[in-house]
Amino acid sequence: KGGRLARRSPADIARALDAVVILVRKSTKGLRSEEIRKALKLDVREVPRVLKEGLSKKKLKSKGQKRATTYFSA
């Protein structure tokens, strides 16, 4: 399980982002990255890229700092 993460295509990242948006939309209080990772069974190294992409495409909103950051559906 260790080592580098396999290269992901933009389609793979978009698919993961869609799953995150659907999950976050169900939660009224928003979710932290650890909760998103556990619910979707994603790799630890995979989550930051997906969340960053969601924020840049304005599909997600964030509130808080560092580990207390909570993500909401935009």
C-alpha atoms as a PDB file:
ATOM      1  CA  LYS A   1       0.000   0.000   0.000  1.00  0.00           C
ATOM      2  CA  GLY A   2       2.990   2.303   0.462  1.00  0.00           C
ATOM      3  CA  GLY A   3       4.886   4.156  -2.208  1.00  0.00           C
ATOM      4  CA  ARG A   4       3.659   6.654  -4.747  1.00  0.00           C
ATOM      5  CA  LEU A   5       0.036   6.987  -5.654  1.00  0.00           C
ATOM      6  CA  ALA A   6      -0.811   5.876  -9.178  1.00  0.00           C
ATOM      7  CA  ARG A   7      -1.282   8.722 -11.648  1.00  0.00           C
ATOM      8  CA  ARG A   8      -4.928   9.666 -11.928  1.00  0.00           C
ATOM      9  CA  SER A   9      -6.580  11.060 -15.027  1.00  0.00           C
ATOM     10  CA  PRO A  10      -8.734  14.198 -14.855  1.00  0.00           C
ATOM     11  CA  ALA A  11     -11.742  11.893 -15.287  1.00  0.00           C
ATOM     12  CA  ASP A  12     -10.751   9.922 -12.164  1.00  0.00           C
ATOM     13  CA  ILE A  13     -10.420  13.110 -10.146  1.00  0.00           C
ATOM     14  CA  ALA A  14     -13.754  14.413 -11.474  1.00  0.00           C
ATOM     15  CA  ARG A  15     -15.439  11.114 -10.528  1.00  0.00           C
ATOM     16  CA  ALA A  16     -14.051  11.327  -6.975  1.00  0.00           C
ATOM     17  CA  LEU A  17     -15.084  14.988  -6.754  1.00  0.00           C
ATOM     18  CA  ASP A  18     -18.661  14.150  -7.803  1.00  0.00           C
ATOM     19  CA  ALA A  19     -18.812  11.501  -5.068  1.00  0.00           C
ATOM     20  CA  VAL A  20     -17.527  14.031  -2.496  1.00  0.00           C
ATOM     21  CA  VAL A  21     -20.092  16.657  -3.573  1.00  0.00           C
ATOM     22  CA  ILE A  22     -22.954  14.136  -3.287  1.00  0.00           C
ATOM     23  CA  LEU A  23     -21.756  13.061   0.172  1.00  0.00           C
ATOM     24  CA  VAL A  24     -21.286  16.627   1.466  1.00  0.00           C
ATOM     25  CA  ARG A  25     -24.687  17.675   0.106  1.00  0.00           C
ATOM     26  CA  LYS A  26     -26.351  15.109   2.420  1.00  0.00           C
ATOM     27  CA  SER A  27     -24.767  16.645   5.523  1.00  0.00           C
ATOM     28  CA  THR A  28     -26.242  19.922   6.781  1.00  0.00           C
ATOM     29  CA  LYS A  29     -23.321  20.589   9.157  1.00  0.00           C
ATOM     30  CA  GLY A  30     -20.677  19.884   6.516  1.00  0.00           C
ATOM     31  CA  LEU A  31     -17.893  17.311   6.742  1.00  0.00           C
ATOM     32  CA  ARG A  32     -14.204  17.374   7.578  1.00  0.00           C
ATOM     33  CA  SER A  33     -11.692  15.779   5.224  1.00  0.00           C
ATOM     34  CA  GLU A  34     -11.170  12.792   7.552  1.00  0.00           C
ATOM     35  CA  GLU A  35     -14.911  12.081   7.550  1.00  0.00           C
ATOM     36  CA  ILE A  36     -15.064  12.356   3.755  1.00  0.00           C
ATOM     37  CA  ARG A  37     -12.090  10.000   3.410  1.00  0.00           C
ATOM     38  CA  LYS A  38     -13.615   7.374   5.720  1.00  0.00           C
ATOM     39  CA  ALA A  39     -17.070   7.536   4.114  1.00  0.00           C
ATOM     40  CA  LEU A  40     -15.733   7.162   0.555  1.00  0.00           C
ATOM     41  CA  LYS A  41     -12.814   4.841   1.459  1.00  0.00           C
ATOM     42  CA  LEU A  42     -10.287   7.082  -0.313  1.00  0.00           C
ATOM     43  CA  ASP A  43      -6.532   6.992   0.164  1.00  0.00           C
ATOM     44  CA  VAL A  44      -5.111   9.632   2.520  1.00  0.00           C
ATOM     45  CA  ARG A  45      -2.922  11.016  -0.274  1.00  0.00           C
ATOM     46  CA  GLU A  46      -5.824  11.280  -2.705  1.00  0.00           C
ATOM     47  CA  VAL A  47      -8.134  13.552  -0.684  1.00  0.00           C
ATOM     48  CA  PRO A  48      -6.262  16.915  -0.755  1.00  0.00           C
ATOM     49  CA  ARG A  49      -6.160  17.013  -4.568  1.00  0.00           C
ATOM     50  CA  VAL A  50      -9.892  16.252  -4.854  1.00  0.00           C
ATOM     51  CA  LEU A  51     -10.863  18.864  -2.250  1.00  0.00           C
ATOM     52  CA  LYS A  52      -8.607  21.506  -3.801  1.00  0.00           C
ATOM     53  CA  GLU A  53     -10.178  20.825  -7.208  1.00  0.00           C
ATOM     54  CA  GLY A  54     -13.671  21.147  -5.702  1.00  0.00           C
ATOM     55  CA  LEU A  55     -12.837  24.494  -4.126  1.00  0.00           C
ATOM     56  CA  SER A  56     -11.274  25.867  -7.321  1.00  0.00           C
ATOM     57  CA  LYS A  57     -14.272  24.793  -9.436  1.00  0.00           C
ATOM     58  CA  LYS A  58     -16.625  26.303  -6.827  1.00  0.00           C
ATOM     59  CA  LYS A  59     -18.380  22.981  -6.214  1.00  0.00           C
ATOM     60  CA  LEU A  60     -17.332  23.072  -2.554  1.00  0.00           C
ATOM     61  CA  LYS A  61     -17.021  25.767   0.098  1.00  0.00           C
ATOM     62  CA  SER A  62     -14.784  25.563   3.132  1.00  0.00           C
ATOM     63  CA  LYS A  63     -14.851  27.078   6.585  1.00  0.00           C
ATOM     64  CA  GLY A  64     -12.151  26.836   9.254  1.00  0.00           C
ATOM     65  CA  GLN A  65      -8.432  26.216   9.207  1.00  0.00           C
ATOM     66  CA  LYS A  66      -6.133  23.205   8.978  1.00  0.00           C
ATOM     67  CA  ARG A  67      -7.715  20.040  10.447  1.00  0.00           C
ATOM     68  CA  ALA A  68     -10.812  21.946  11.586  1.00  0.00           C
ATOM     69  CA  THR A  69     -11.711  22.825   7.984  1.00  0.00           C
ATOM     70  CA  THR A  70     -15.281  21.827   7.206  1.00  0.00           C
ATOM     71  CA  TYR A  71     -16.453  21.395   3.622  1.00  0.00           C
ATOM     72  CA  PHE A  72     -19.932  22.285   2.396  1.00  0.00           C
ATOM     73  CA  SER A  73     -21.703  21.957  -0.929  1.00  0.00           C
ATOM     74  CA  ALA A  74     -21.597  25.204  -2.902  1.00  0.00           C
END
